[in-house]
């Protein structure tokens, strides 16, 4: 069966947001063009790494001779998006592998997200994914996406100053390292 490609070449909106309260949040990468909306569930760590790598690519491109792609150093004010996720949030799939790239012909960051594969057998034949999310974001949109994603990831439970693990609202048991 051919792979279903959810293709967003110039999205109206691309954000990471959450559903649930800190400690039990589900992260979503949500993309919208017109009335087409796709939401893919992500791990918190995937969200954070995606934002970090997008900023790294943009920062590197910005230092190219004369910044030929007009990469903004900061999020353009008109692209700040603090709105909640589009409702209802219907999970298309849970993210597994992701790839990140740069398309110089359109000056866009390219994000590919593939579904998580839960394999029961190690020697199972590798097959084409059932679907993939393909997002091409202009540089300003990509910078805004990375900023918002860092804020969403950072809005979770505070870290314990002693052991560094997240503090649950109900209770916290510190597991301090043994000191000789």
N, C-alpha and C. Protein backbone atom coordinates (compact mmCIF):
# COMPACT_ATOMS: atom_id res chain seq x y z
N UNK A 1 0.84 -1.18 0.00
CA UNK A 1 0.00 0.00 0.00
C UNK A 1 0.89 1.25 0.00
N UNK A 2 0.58 2.24 -0.83
CA UNK A 2 1.41 3.45 -0.89
C UNK A 2 1.32 4.26 0.41
N UNK A 3 2.41 4.96 0.69
CA UNK A 3 2.48 5.81 1.87
C UNK A 3 1.58 7.03 1.71
N UNK A 4 0.79 7.33 2.73
CA UNK A 4 -0.03 8.55 2.75
C UNK A 4 0.87 9.68 3.24
N UNK A 5 1.01 10.73 2.44
CA UNK A 5 1.86 11.86 2.79
C UNK A 5 0.97 13.04 3.16
N UNK A 6 1.07 13.49 4.41
CA UNK A 6 0.38 14.69 4.87
C UNK A 6 1.35 15.85 4.59
N UNK A 7 1.18 16.49 3.45
CA UNK A 7 2.14 17.46 2.94
C UNK A 7 1.68 18.89 3.20
N UNK A 8 2.51 19.65 3.90
CA UNK A 8 2.24 21.05 4.20
C UNK A 8 3.41 21.87 3.66
N UNK A 9 3.26 22.38 2.44
CA UNK A 9 4.36 23.08 1.77
C UNK A 9 4.55 24.50 2.31
N UNK A 10 3.50 25.23 2.57
CA UNK A 10 3.56 26.59 3.13
C UNK A 10 2.46 26.68 4.19
N UNK A 11 2.66 26.05 5.36
CA UNK A 11 1.57 25.98 6.35
C UNK A 11 1.17 27.35 6.89
N UNK A 12 -0.14 27.45 7.20
CA UNK A 12 -0.64 28.65 7.86
C UNK A 12 -0.18 28.66 9.32
N UNK A 13 -0.02 27.47 9.87
CA UNK A 13 0.35 27.35 11.29
C UNK A 13 1.10 26.05 11.51
N UNK A 14 2.19 26.12 12.27
CA UNK A 14 2.92 24.93 12.69
C UNK A 14 3.41 25.20 14.11
N UNK A 15 2.91 24.38 15.07
CA UNK A 15 3.21 24.61 16.48
C UNK A 15 3.35 23.29 17.23
N UNK A 16 4.00 23.36 18.37
CA UNK A 16 3.94 22.28 19.36
C UNK A 16 3.11 22.81 20.51
N UNK A 17 2.19 21.98 20.97
CA UNK A 17 1.34 22.33 22.11
C UNK A 17 1.09 21.08 22.92
N UNK A 18 0.37 21.23 24.01
CA UNK A 18 0.12 20.09 24.89
C UNK A 18 -1.35 19.99 25.26
N UNK A 19 -1.70 18.79 25.66
CA UNK A 19 -3.01 18.51 26.23
C UNK A 19 -2.75 17.82 27.55
N UNK A 20 -3.41 18.28 28.62
CA UNK A 20 -3.21 17.69 29.93
C UNK A 20 -2.44 18.62 30.85
N UNK A 21 -2.31 18.20 32.10
CA UNK A 21 -1.62 19.03 33.08
C UNK A 21 -0.17 18.57 33.23
N UNK A 22 0.71 19.48 33.73
CA UNK A 22 2.11 19.11 33.89
C UNK A 22 2.26 17.80 34.66
N UNK A 23 3.11 16.95 34.13
CA UNK A 23 3.31 15.63 34.71
C UNK A 23 2.56 14.55 33.95
N UNK A 24 1.51 14.96 33.24
CA UNK A 24 0.76 13.99 32.43
C UNK A 24 0.34 14.63 31.11
N UNK A 25 1.19 15.53 30.60
CA UNK A 25 0.89 16.19 29.34
C UNK A 25 1.22 15.28 28.16
N UNK A 26 0.46 15.45 27.09
CA UNK A 26 0.78 14.83 25.82
C UNK A 26 1.16 15.97 24.88
N UNK A 27 2.31 15.83 24.24
CA UNK A 27 2.80 16.85 23.32
C UNK A 27 2.33 16.53 21.91
N UNK A 28 1.98 17.57 21.16
CA UNK A 28 1.54 17.40 19.79
C UNK A 28 2.25 18.40 18.88
N UNK A 29 2.67 17.92 17.73
CA UNK A 29 3.08 18.77 16.63
C UNK A 29 1.83 18.92 15.78
N UNK A 30 1.36 20.16 15.64
CA UNK A 30 0.12 20.39 14.92
C UNK A 30 0.40 21.35 13.76
N UNK A 31 -0.10 20.98 12.58
CA UNK A 31 0.11 21.77 11.38
C UNK A 31 -1.25 22.03 10.73
N UNK A 32 -1.41 23.27 10.24
CA UNK A 32 -2.68 23.61 9.59
C UNK A 32 -2.41 24.42 8.33
N UNK A 33 -3.13 24.08 7.29
CA UNK A 33 -3.23 24.89 6.08
C UNK A 33 -4.71 24.92 5.73
N UNK A 34 -5.30 26.11 5.76
CA UNK A 34 -6.73 26.23 5.52
C UNK A 34 -7.49 25.41 6.55
N UNK A 35 -8.31 24.49 6.07
CA UNK A 35 -9.10 23.65 6.98
C UNK A 35 -8.44 22.31 7.27
N UNK A 36 -7.32 22.02 6.60
CA UNK A 36 -6.60 20.76 6.82
C UNK A 36 -5.72 20.90 8.07
N UNK A 37 -5.97 20.06 9.07
CA UNK A 37 -5.20 20.07 10.31
C UNK A 37 -4.72 18.65 10.58
N UNK A 38 -3.43 18.52 10.89
CA UNK A 38 -2.87 17.23 11.28
C UNK A 38 -2.15 17.42 12.61
N UNK A 39 -2.43 16.51 13.56
CA UNK A 39 -1.79 16.52 14.88
C UNK A 39 -1.07 15.20 15.08
N UNK A 40 0.22 15.28 15.39
CA UNK A 40 1.03 14.09 15.62
C UNK A 40 1.56 14.16 17.05
N UNK A 41 1.37 13.09 17.80
CA UNK A 41 1.84 13.04 19.19
C UNK A 41 3.36 12.88 19.21
N UNK A 42 4.01 13.64 20.09
CA UNK A 42 5.46 13.60 20.26
C UNK A 42 5.80 13.35 21.72
N UNK A 43 7.00 12.88 21.95
CA UNK A 43 7.53 12.85 23.31
C UNK A 43 8.07 14.25 23.62
N UNK A 44 8.12 14.58 24.89
CA UNK A 44 8.65 15.87 25.31
C UNK A 44 10.07 16.06 24.79
N UNK A 45 10.87 15.01 24.89
CA UNK A 45 12.27 15.07 24.46
C UNK A 45 12.37 15.29 22.95
N UNK A 46 11.48 14.68 22.18
CA UNK A 46 11.47 14.89 20.74
C UNK A 46 11.16 16.35 20.42
N UNK A 47 10.22 16.92 21.14
CA UNK A 47 9.85 18.32 20.94
C UNK A 47 11.04 19.23 21.21
N UNK A 48 11.70 19.00 22.35
CA UNK A 48 12.84 19.84 22.74
C UNK A 48 13.98 19.71 21.73
N UNK A 49 14.27 18.51 21.30
CA UNK A 49 15.36 18.29 20.35
C UNK A 49 15.04 18.90 18.99
N UNK A 50 13.81 18.82 18.56
CA UNK A 50 13.39 19.41 17.30
C UNK A 50 13.62 20.93 17.32
N UNK A 51 13.21 21.58 18.40
CA UNK A 51 13.41 23.03 18.53
C UNK A 51 14.90 23.38 18.54
N UNK A 52 15.67 22.60 19.28
CA UNK A 52 17.12 22.86 19.38
C UNK A 52 17.78 22.74 18.01
N UNK A 53 17.47 21.70 17.27
CA UNK A 53 18.11 21.46 15.97
C UNK A 53 17.66 22.47 14.92
N UNK A 54 16.41 22.90 14.97
CA UNK A 54 15.95 23.94 14.05
C UNK A 54 16.73 25.22 14.30
N UNK A 55 16.88 25.60 15.57
CA UNK A 55 17.66 26.81 15.88
C UNK A 55 19.11 26.66 15.43
N UNK A 56 19.69 25.48 15.60
CA UNK A 56 21.08 25.26 15.17
C UNK A 56 21.22 25.46 13.66
N UNK A 57 20.29 24.89 12.89
CA UNK A 57 20.34 25.05 11.43
C UNK A 57 20.20 26.53 11.06
N UNK A 58 19.22 27.21 11.65
CA UNK A 58 19.00 28.62 11.33
C UNK A 58 20.19 29.48 11.74
N UNK A 59 20.76 29.21 12.91
CA UNK A 59 21.92 29.99 13.37
C UNK A 59 23.11 29.79 12.43
N UNK A 60 23.31 28.56 11.98
CA UNK A 60 24.41 28.28 11.06
C UNK A 60 24.19 28.99 9.72
N UNK A 61 22.98 28.94 9.21
CA UNK A 61 22.67 29.60 7.94
C UNK A 61 22.79 31.12 8.05
N UNK A 62 22.46 31.64 9.22
CA UNK A 62 22.50 33.08 9.45
C UNK A 62 23.94 33.61 9.35
N UNK A 63 24.90 32.77 9.69
CA UNK A 63 26.30 33.21 9.68
C UNK A 63 26.94 33.05 8.30
N UNK A 64 26.20 32.51 7.33
CA UNK A 64 26.73 32.41 5.97
C UNK A 64 26.99 33.80 5.43
N UNK A 65 27.88 33.89 4.47
CA UNK A 65 28.27 35.18 3.90
C UNK A 65 27.07 36.05 3.55
N UNK A 66 26.88 37.11 4.32
CA UNK A 66 25.83 38.08 4.04
C UNK A 66 24.42 37.62 4.36
N UNK A 67 24.26 36.47 5.03
CA UNK A 67 22.94 35.94 5.38
C UNK A 67 22.01 35.97 4.16
N UNK A 68 22.37 35.21 3.11
CA UNK A 68 21.63 35.30 1.84
C UNK A 68 20.16 34.87 1.93
N UNK A 69 19.79 34.11 2.96
CA UNK A 69 18.41 33.65 3.07
C UNK A 69 17.59 34.51 4.04
N UNK A 70 18.19 35.62 4.52
CA UNK A 70 17.51 36.55 5.45
C UNK A 70 16.96 35.81 6.66
N UNK A 71 17.80 35.01 7.29
CA UNK A 71 17.42 34.26 8.49
C UNK A 71 17.30 35.25 9.65
N UNK A 72 16.15 35.30 10.32
CA UNK A 72 16.02 36.21 11.47
C UNK A 72 16.77 35.66 12.68
N UNK A 73 17.40 36.56 13.43
CA UNK A 73 18.10 36.15 14.65
C UNK A 73 17.11 35.82 15.76
N UNK A 74 15.96 36.48 15.73
CA UNK A 74 14.93 36.27 16.74
C UNK A 74 13.59 36.06 16.04
N UNK A 75 12.62 35.64 16.82
CA UNK A 75 11.29 35.41 16.25
C UNK A 75 10.67 36.73 15.81
N UNK A 76 10.26 36.82 14.55
CA UNK A 76 9.55 38.02 14.12
C UNK A 76 8.24 38.18 14.91
N UNK A 77 8.00 39.38 15.42
CA UNK A 77 6.85 39.64 16.29
C UNK A 77 5.54 39.19 15.65
N UNK A 78 5.39 39.42 14.36
CA UNK A 78 4.14 39.07 13.69
C UNK A 78 3.93 37.55 13.57
N UNK A 79 4.96 36.77 13.86
CA UNK A 79 4.83 35.31 13.77
C UNK A 79 4.70 34.62 15.13
N UNK A 80 4.70 35.40 16.22
CA UNK A 80 4.51 34.82 17.55
C UNK A 80 3.12 34.20 17.62
N UNK A 81 3.05 32.96 18.07
CA UNK A 81 1.79 32.22 18.15
C UNK A 81 1.66 31.63 19.54
N UNK A 82 0.85 32.23 20.37
CA UNK A 82 0.63 31.73 21.73
C UNK A 82 -0.76 31.14 21.90
N UNK A 83 -1.44 30.90 20.79
CA UNK A 83 -2.78 30.34 20.84
C UNK A 83 -2.74 28.85 21.16
N UNK A 84 -3.80 28.32 21.77
CA UNK A 84 -3.84 26.88 22.05
C UNK A 84 -3.94 26.08 20.76
N UNK A 85 -3.77 24.79 20.90
CA UNK A 85 -3.91 23.89 19.75
C UNK A 85 -5.30 23.99 19.17
N UNK A 86 -5.43 23.74 17.86
CA UNK A 86 -6.73 23.69 17.21
C UNK A 86 -7.51 22.52 17.82
N UNK A 87 -8.78 22.74 18.10
CA UNK A 87 -9.62 21.71 18.71
C UNK A 87 -10.61 21.16 17.69
N UNK A 88 -10.98 19.93 17.76
CA UNK A 88 -10.45 18.93 18.67
C UNK A 88 -9.08 18.43 18.19
N UNK A 89 -8.26 17.97 19.13
CA UNK A 89 -6.95 17.43 18.78
C UNK A 89 -7.14 15.95 18.49
N UNK A 90 -7.09 15.61 17.21
CA UNK A 90 -7.23 14.22 16.78
C UNK A 90 -5.86 13.71 16.38
N UNK A 91 -5.32 12.78 17.17
CA UNK A 91 -3.98 12.26 16.91
C UNK A 91 -3.97 11.43 15.63
N UNK A 92 -3.17 11.88 14.67
CA UNK A 92 -3.02 11.15 13.41
C UNK A 92 -2.18 9.90 13.63
N UNK A 93 -1.06 10.07 14.35
CA UNK A 93 -0.20 8.97 14.75
C UNK A 93 0.78 9.46 15.80
N UNK A 94 1.49 8.53 16.42
CA UNK A 94 2.53 8.86 17.41
C UNK A 94 3.86 8.85 16.69
N UNK A 95 4.64 9.91 16.87
CA UNK A 95 5.90 10.06 16.15
C UNK A 95 6.94 9.03 16.59
N UNK A 96 7.64 8.55 15.60
CA UNK A 96 8.79 7.68 15.83
C UNK A 96 10.01 8.43 15.32
N UNK A 97 10.52 8.01 14.18
CA UNK A 97 11.68 8.67 13.57
C UNK A 97 11.26 10.01 12.98
N UNK A 98 12.20 10.95 13.06
CA UNK A 98 11.99 12.26 12.45
C UNK A 98 13.26 12.64 11.71
N UNK A 99 13.11 13.43 10.67
CA UNK A 99 14.28 13.98 9.99
C UNK A 99 14.07 15.47 9.82
N UNK A 100 15.19 16.17 9.73
CA UNK A 100 15.16 17.62 9.65
C UNK A 100 16.15 18.03 8.57
N UNK A 101 15.76 18.96 7.73
CA UNK A 101 16.65 19.38 6.66
C UNK A 101 16.40 20.81 6.25
N UNK A 102 17.13 21.22 5.22
CA UNK A 102 17.07 22.57 4.69
C UNK A 102 16.91 22.49 3.18
N UNK A 103 15.95 23.23 2.65
CA UNK A 103 15.75 23.30 1.21
C UNK A 103 16.13 24.70 0.74
N UNK A 104 17.34 24.86 0.17
CA UNK A 104 17.78 26.20 -0.24
C UNK A 104 16.98 26.76 -1.42
N UNK A 105 16.33 25.89 -2.19
CA UNK A 105 15.57 26.38 -3.35
C UNK A 105 14.32 27.15 -2.92
N UNK A 106 13.78 26.86 -1.73
CA UNK A 106 12.61 27.57 -1.23
C UNK A 106 12.88 28.31 0.08
N UNK A 107 14.10 28.18 0.60
CA UNK A 107 14.50 28.78 1.89
C UNK A 107 13.56 28.33 3.00
N UNK A 108 13.40 26.99 3.11
CA UNK A 108 12.51 26.42 4.12
C UNK A 108 13.21 25.31 4.90
N UNK A 109 12.84 25.23 6.18
CA UNK A 109 13.20 24.09 7.01
C UNK A 109 12.23 22.97 6.65
N UNK A 110 12.75 21.77 6.49
CA UNK A 110 11.91 20.62 6.13
C UNK A 110 11.90 19.63 7.29
N UNK A 111 10.71 19.32 7.77
CA UNK A 111 10.52 18.37 8.88
C UNK A 111 9.75 17.18 8.34
N UNK A 112 10.29 15.99 8.56
CA UNK A 112 9.58 14.76 8.21
C UNK A 112 9.37 13.97 9.50
N UNK A 113 8.14 13.53 9.71
CA UNK A 113 7.81 12.76 10.91
C UNK A 113 7.16 11.46 10.47
N UNK A 114 7.72 10.35 10.97
CA UNK A 114 7.22 9.02 10.63
C UNK A 114 6.58 8.40 11.86
N UNK A 115 5.60 7.54 11.67
CA UNK A 115 4.95 6.89 12.82
C UNK A 115 5.92 5.97 13.56
N UNK A 116 5.69 5.88 14.85
CA UNK A 116 6.46 4.95 15.68
C UNK A 116 6.11 3.53 15.24
N UNK A 117 7.14 2.69 15.17
CA UNK A 117 6.94 1.30 14.78
C UNK A 117 7.15 0.44 16.02
N UNK A 118 6.11 -0.26 16.41
CA UNK A 118 6.21 -1.18 17.53
C UNK A 118 6.39 -2.58 16.96
N UNK A 119 7.63 -3.00 16.88
CA UNK A 119 7.95 -4.28 16.26
C UNK A 119 8.00 -5.38 17.31
N UNK A 120 7.28 -6.45 17.06
CA UNK A 120 7.28 -7.61 17.96
C UNK A 120 8.48 -8.51 17.70
N UNK A 121 8.93 -8.53 16.45
CA UNK A 121 10.04 -9.40 16.09
C UNK A 121 11.19 -8.57 15.56
N UNK A 122 12.43 -8.94 15.95
CA UNK A 122 13.61 -8.21 15.52
C UNK A 122 13.87 -8.36 14.03
N UNK A 123 13.58 -9.53 13.46
CA UNK A 123 13.89 -9.75 12.05
C UNK A 123 12.69 -9.50 11.14
N UNK A 124 11.78 -8.69 11.60
CA UNK A 124 10.63 -8.34 10.78
C UNK A 124 11.10 -7.53 9.57
N UNK A 125 10.52 -7.80 8.43
CA UNK A 125 10.91 -7.14 7.19
C UNK A 125 10.60 -5.64 7.28
N UNK A 126 11.55 -4.82 6.83
CA UNK A 126 11.36 -3.38 6.83
C UNK A 126 10.39 -3.02 5.70
N UNK A 127 9.36 -2.28 6.05
CA UNK A 127 8.36 -1.89 5.06
C UNK A 127 8.25 -0.38 5.02
N UNK A 128 7.61 0.10 3.99
CA UNK A 128 7.37 1.54 3.88
C UNK A 128 6.39 1.95 4.97
N UNK A 129 6.54 3.17 5.52
CA UNK A 129 5.59 3.62 6.54
C UNK A 129 4.20 3.81 5.93
N UNK A 130 3.19 3.62 6.75
CA UNK A 130 1.81 3.81 6.29
C UNK A 130 1.55 5.27 5.96
N UNK A 131 2.19 6.17 6.72
CA UNK A 131 1.99 7.60 6.49
C UNK A 131 3.21 8.38 6.97
N UNK A 132 3.29 9.62 6.53
CA UNK A 132 4.37 10.51 6.93
C UNK A 132 3.82 11.94 6.93
N UNK A 133 4.30 12.74 7.89
CA UNK A 133 3.99 14.16 7.93
C UNK A 133 5.18 14.90 7.36
N UNK A 134 4.95 15.70 6.33
CA UNK A 134 6.00 16.48 5.68
C UNK A 134 5.64 17.96 5.80
N UNK A 135 6.50 18.70 6.51
CA UNK A 135 6.25 20.13 6.75
C UNK A 135 7.42 20.93 6.20
N UNK A 136 7.10 21.94 5.41
CA UNK A 136 8.11 22.86 4.88
C UNK A 136 7.78 24.24 5.46
N UNK A 137 8.63 24.71 6.36
CA UNK A 137 8.36 25.96 7.06
C UNK A 137 9.35 27.05 6.65
N UNK A 138 8.86 28.22 6.26
CA UNK A 138 9.76 29.34 5.97
C UNK A 138 10.58 29.69 7.22
N UNK A 139 11.69 30.38 7.02
CA UNK A 139 12.64 30.61 8.11
C UNK A 139 12.04 31.36 9.30
N UNK A 140 11.22 32.35 9.07
CA UNK A 140 10.59 33.08 10.18
C UNK A 140 9.65 32.19 10.96
N UNK A 141 8.85 31.41 10.24
CA UNK A 141 7.94 30.47 10.88
C UNK A 141 8.71 29.43 11.68
N UNK A 142 9.82 28.96 11.12
CA UNK A 142 10.64 27.96 11.81
C UNK A 142 11.23 28.53 13.10
N UNK A 143 11.68 29.79 13.04
CA UNK A 143 12.24 30.43 14.24
C UNK A 143 11.15 30.58 15.30
N UNK A 144 9.94 30.98 14.90
CA UNK A 144 8.82 31.12 15.83
C UNK A 144 8.44 29.76 16.41
N UNK A 145 8.45 28.73 15.58
CA UNK A 145 8.14 27.37 16.02
C UNK A 145 9.12 26.93 17.11
N UNK A 146 10.40 27.14 16.88
CA UNK A 146 11.42 26.72 17.85
C UNK A 146 11.25 27.46 19.18
N UNK A 147 10.99 28.76 19.11
CA UNK A 147 10.82 29.55 20.34
C UNK A 147 9.61 29.05 21.14
N UNK A 148 8.49 28.89 20.47
CA UNK A 148 7.28 28.43 21.16
C UNK A 148 7.51 27.04 21.75
N UNK A 149 8.15 26.17 20.99
CA UNK A 149 8.37 24.80 21.46
C UNK A 149 9.22 24.80 22.73
N UNK A 150 10.27 25.61 22.77
CA UNK A 150 11.10 25.70 23.99
C UNK A 150 10.26 26.18 25.18
N UNK A 151 9.38 27.13 24.94
CA UNK A 151 8.52 27.64 26.01
C UNK A 151 7.54 26.58 26.49
N UNK A 152 6.95 25.83 25.58
CA UNK A 152 6.00 24.78 25.94
C UNK A 152 6.71 23.69 26.74
N UNK A 153 7.88 23.27 26.28
CA UNK A 153 8.64 22.24 26.99
C UNK A 153 9.02 22.73 28.38
N UNK A 154 9.42 23.99 28.49
CA UNK A 154 9.86 24.54 29.77
C UNK A 154 8.73 24.84 30.74
N UNK A 155 7.49 24.75 30.29
CA UNK A 155 6.34 25.08 31.15
C UNK A 155 5.86 23.91 31.99
N UNK A 156 6.61 22.84 32.02
CA UNK A 156 6.21 21.66 32.79
C UNK A 156 6.52 21.82 34.27
N UNK A 157 6.62 20.69 34.93
CA UNK A 157 6.88 20.69 36.37
C UNK A 157 8.27 21.26 36.66
N UNK A 158 8.42 22.00 37.74
CA UNK A 158 9.74 22.51 38.10
C UNK A 158 10.66 21.37 38.53
N UNK A 159 11.97 21.59 38.36
CA UNK A 159 12.94 20.58 38.76
C UNK A 159 13.35 20.79 40.22
N UNK A 160 13.54 19.69 40.93
CA UNK A 160 14.01 19.75 42.32
C UNK A 160 15.44 20.30 42.32
N UNK A 161 15.73 21.30 43.16
CA UNK A 161 17.08 21.86 43.19
C UNK A 161 18.12 20.90 43.77
N UNK A 162 17.66 19.85 44.44
CA UNK A 162 18.59 18.91 45.07
C UNK A 162 18.92 17.70 44.19
N UNK A 163 17.88 17.09 43.59
CA UNK A 163 18.13 15.87 42.82
C UNK A 163 17.94 16.05 41.32
N UNK A 164 17.31 17.18 40.91
CA UNK A 164 17.16 17.46 39.49
C UNK A 164 16.01 16.76 38.80
N UNK A 165 15.20 16.01 39.53
CA UNK A 165 14.05 15.34 38.92
C UNK A 165 12.82 16.24 39.02
N UNK A 166 11.84 16.06 38.15
CA UNK A 166 10.64 16.89 38.22
C UNK A 166 9.89 16.69 39.54
N UNK A 167 9.36 17.79 40.06
CA UNK A 167 8.62 17.77 41.31
C UNK A 167 7.14 17.59 41.00
N UNK A 168 6.55 16.51 41.53
CA UNK A 168 5.12 16.27 41.35
C UNK A 168 4.35 17.21 42.26
N UNK A 169 3.16 17.66 41.84
CA UNK A 169 2.40 18.59 42.66
C UNK A 169 1.97 17.97 43.99
N UNK A 170 1.75 16.66 44.03
CA UNK A 170 1.28 16.01 45.26
C UNK A 170 2.40 15.72 46.24
N UNK A 171 3.50 15.18 45.73
CA UNK A 171 4.61 14.80 46.62
C UNK A 171 5.88 14.68 45.82
N UNK A 172 7.02 14.67 46.53
CA UNK A 172 8.31 14.49 45.89
C UNK A 172 9.26 13.83 46.88
N UNK A 173 9.82 12.75 46.46
CA UNK A 173 10.84 12.09 47.27
C UNK A 173 12.17 12.26 46.58
N UNK A 174 13.05 12.98 47.25
CA UNK A 174 14.37 13.27 46.69
C UNK A 174 15.24 12.02 46.79
N UNK A 175 15.90 11.72 45.71
CA UNK A 175 16.86 10.63 45.72
C UNK A 175 18.21 11.29 45.51
N UNK A 176 18.87 11.59 46.62
CA UNK A 176 20.15 12.27 46.54
C UNK A 176 21.26 11.27 46.31
N UNK A 177 22.27 11.65 45.52
CA UNK A 177 23.40 10.73 45.31
C UNK A 177 24.18 10.54 46.60
N UNK A 178 24.78 9.36 46.74
CA UNK A 178 25.61 9.08 47.91
C UNK A 178 26.84 9.97 47.89
N UNK A 179 27.11 10.60 49.01
CA UNK A 179 28.27 11.46 49.13
C UNK A 179 29.29 10.74 50.00
N UNK A 180 30.52 10.54 49.48
CA UNK A 180 31.53 9.82 50.27
C UNK A 180 32.00 10.60 51.47
